[in-house]
C-alpha atoms as a PDB file:
ATOM      1  CA  MET A   1       0.011  -0.023  -0.039  1.00  0.00           C
ATOM      2  CA  PRO A   2       1.188   3.501  -0.728  1.00  0.00           C
ATOM      3  CA  ASN A   3       2.554   5.589   2.177  1.00  0.00           C
ATOM      4  CA  THR A   4       2.528   9.184   0.779  1.00  0.00           C
ATOM      5  CA  SER A   5      -0.576  11.146   0.025  1.00  0.00           C
ATOM      6  CA  HIS A   6       0.209  11.660  -3.633  1.00  0.00           C
ATOM      7  CA  ARG A   7       0.737   7.916  -4.123  1.00  0.00           C
ATOM      8  CA  LYS A   8      -2.575   7.213  -2.410  1.00  0.00           C
ATOM      9  CA  LYS A   9      -4.204   9.586  -4.920  1.00  0.00           C
ATOM     10  CA  THR A  10      -2.357   7.895  -7.782  1.00  0.00           C
ATOM     11  CA  LEU A  11      -3.798   4.543  -6.592  1.00  0.00           C
ATOM     12  CA  ARG A  12      -7.301   5.908  -6.445  1.00  0.00           C
ATOM     13  CA  GLN A  13      -6.986   7.351  -9.978  1.00  0.00           C
ATOM     14  CA  SER A  14      -5.534   4.068 -11.284  1.00  0.00           C
ATOM     15  CA  GLU A  15      -8.486   2.118  -9.804  1.00  0.00           C
ATOM     16  CA  GLN A  16     -10.966   4.496 -11.353  1.00  0.00           C
ATOM     17  CA  ARG A  17      -9.343   4.312 -14.763  1.00  0.00           C
ATOM     18  CA  ASN A  18      -9.108   0.505 -14.460  1.00  0.00           C
ATOM     19  CA  GLU A  19     -12.827   0.267 -13.812  1.00  0.00           C
ATOM     20  CA  ALA A  20     -13.705   2.625 -16.723  1.00  0.00           C
ATOM     21  CA  ASN A  21     -11.468   0.758 -19.080  1.00  0.00           C
ATOM     22  CA  ARG A  22     -12.947  -2.560 -18.048  1.00  0.00           C
ATOM     23  CA  ALA A  23     -16.445  -1.207 -18.660  1.00  0.00           C
ATOM     24  CA  LYS A  24     -15.486   0.169 -22.096  1.00  0.00           C
ATOM     25  CA  ARG A  25     -13.767  -3.096 -23.096  1.00  0.00           C
ATOM     26  CA  SER A  26     -16.736  -5.160 -21.952  1.00  0.00           C
ATOM     27  CA  ALA A  27     -19.153  -2.971 -23.903  1.00  0.00           C
ATOM     28  CA  MET A  28     -17.005  -3.372 -26.983  1.00  0.00           C
ATOM     29  CA  ARG A  29     -16.983  -7.119 -26.708  1.00  0.00           C
ATOM     30  CA  THR A  30     -20.667  -7.225 -26.112  1.00  0.00           C
ATOM     31  CA  ALA A  31     -21.333  -5.154 -29.229  1.00  0.00           C
ATOM     32  CA  MET A  32     -19.093  -7.496 -31.250  1.00  0.00           C
ATOM     33  CA  LYS A  33     -21.047 -10.527 -30.019  1.00  0.00           C
ATOM     34  CA  ARG A  34     -24.351  -8.817 -30.757  1.00  0.00           C
ATOM     35  CA  ALA A  35     -23.226  -8.000 -34.230  1.00  0.00           C
ATOM     36  CA  ASP A  36     -22.113 -11.593 -34.761  1.00  0.00           C
ATOM     37  CA  ALA A  37     -25.493 -12.811 -33.545  1.00  0.00           C
ATOM     38  CA  ALA A  38     -27.245 -10.356 -35.837  1.00  0.00           C
ATOM     39  CA  ILE A  39     -25.208 -11.518 -38.812  1.00  0.00           C
ATOM     40  CA  GLU A  40     -26.170 -15.122 -38.085  1.00  0.00           C
ATOM     41  CA  ALA A  41     -29.831 -14.343 -37.627  1.00  0.00           C
ATOM     42  CA  ASP A  42     -30.413 -11.941 -40.583  1.00  0.00           C
ATOM     43  CA  PRO A  43     -27.498 -10.605 -42.494  1.00  0.00           C
ATOM     44  CA  ALA A  44     -29.647  -7.999 -44.393  1.00  0.00           C
ATOM     45  CA  MET A  45     -30.732  -6.375 -41.105  1.00  0.00           C
ATOM     46  CA  ALA A  46     -27.333  -6.572 -39.373  1.00  0.00           C
ATOM     47  CA  ASP A  47     -26.332  -3.088 -40.378  1.00  0.00           C
ATOM     48  CA  VAL A  48     -27.493  -1.460 -37.155  1.00  0.00           C
ATOM     49  CA  ALA A  49     -25.543  -3.946 -34.981  1.00  0.00           C
ATOM     50  CA  LEU A  50     -22.474  -3.505 -37.167  1.00  0.00           C
ATOM     51  CA  GLN A  51     -22.580   0.252 -36.836  1.00  0.00           C
ATOM     52  CA  ALA A  52     -22.773  -0.088 -33.006  1.00  0.00           C
ATOM     53  CA  ALA A  53     -19.924  -2.563 -32.957  1.00  0.00           C
ATOM     54  CA  PHE A  54     -17.783  -0.339 -35.250  1.00  0.00           C
ATOM     55  CA  LYS A  55     -18.525   2.611 -32.966  1.00  0.00           C
ATOM     56  CA  HIS A  56     -17.430   0.747 -29.803  1.00  0.00           C
ATOM     57  CA  VAL A  57     -14.323  -0.688 -31.527  1.00  0.00           C
ATOM     58  CA  ASP A  58     -13.300   2.852 -32.827  1.00  0.00           C
ATOM     59  CA  LYS A  59     -13.824   4.363 -29.367  1.00  0.00           C
ATOM     60  CA  ALA A  60     -11.671   1.677 -27.804  1.00  0.00           C
ATOM     61  CA  ALA A  61      -8.916   2.311 -30.251  1.00  0.00           C
ATOM     62  CA  LYS A  62      -9.199   6.091 -29.716  1.00  0.00           C
ATOM     63  CA  ASP A  63      -8.816   5.555 -25.921  1.00  0.00           C
ATOM     64  CA  HIS A  64      -5.836   3.190 -26.471  1.00  0.00           C
ATOM     65  CA  LEU A  65      -7.674   0.153 -25.006  1.00  0.00           C
ATOM     66  CA  ILE A  66      -6.749  -1.695 -28.174  1.00  0.00           C
ATOM     67  CA  HIS A  67      -4.285  -0.876 -30.967  1.00  0.00           C
ATOM     68  CA  GLN A  68      -5.618   0.803 -34.069  1.00  0.00           C
ATOM     69  CA  ASN A  69      -4.452  -2.132 -36.244  1.00  0.00           C
ATOM     70  CA  LYS A  70      -6.450  -4.494 -34.003  1.00  0.00           C
ATOM     71  CA  ALA A  71      -9.532  -2.384 -34.318  1.00  0.00           C
ATOM     72  CA  ASP A  72      -9.159  -2.242 -38.165  1.00  0.00           C
ATOM     73  CA  ARG A  73      -8.762  -6.078 -38.123  1.00  0.00           C
ATOM     74  CA  MET A  74     -11.820  -6.610 -36.007  1.00  0.00           C
ATOM     75  CA  LYS A  75     -13.955  -4.381 -38.111  1.00  0.00           C
ATOM     76  CA  SER A  76     -12.670  -6.028 -41.330  1.00  0.00           C
ATOM     77  CA  ARG A  77     -13.429  -9.514 -40.087  1.00  0.00           C
ATOM     78  CA  LEU A  78     -16.908  -8.509 -39.027  1.00  0.00           C
ATOM     79  CA  ALA A  79     -17.584  -6.920 -42.422  1.00  0.00           C
ATOM     80  CA  LYS A  80     -16.263 -10.007 -44.234  1.00  0.00           C
ATOM     81  CA  ARG A  81     -18.622 -12.221 -42.180  1.00  0.00           C
ATOM     82  CA  ARG A  82     -21.504  -9.940 -43.002  1.00  0.00           C
ATOM     83  CA  ASN A  83     -20.773  -9.885 -46.710  1.00  0.00           C
ATOM     84  CA  ALA A  84     -20.260 -13.703 -46.853  1.00  0.00           C
ATOM     85  CA  ALA A  85     -23.561 -14.265 -45.041  1.00  0.00           C
ATOM     86  CA  ALA A  86     -25.393 -11.758 -47.241  1.00  0.00           C
ATOM     87  CA  SER A  87     -24.077 -13.314 -50.485  1.00  0.00           C
ATOM     88  CA  GLY A  88     -24.918 -16.802 -49.174  1.00  0.00           C
ATOM     89  CA  GLU A  89     -28.549 -16.069 -48.712  1.00  0.00           C
END
C-alpha cells in the first residue's frame, strides 16, 4: 500500500481508470457478440448492430484500450462475415 498522500491519490486514480477501461472493453466485446449474432440471424438487417460494434471498436482504439491495427482487423473480419452471409442467402 502507498504511504505518501500523492501515491494514495495515484492509486485511487488508477483504480478509477481501471474500472472505466474494463467497462469500455466489456461494452466493445458485447457489441461485437451482438453484431455476430445479428449476422447469423439476418445478414440483411445486421447493419445497425454492425454500426454499433464499429462505434465501440473505434472508441476503444481512440482511448488506447486496443491498438488501431487490431480495431481495423476486428472491423474487417466483421464486415467479411456480414458480406459472406449476405451473399450466401
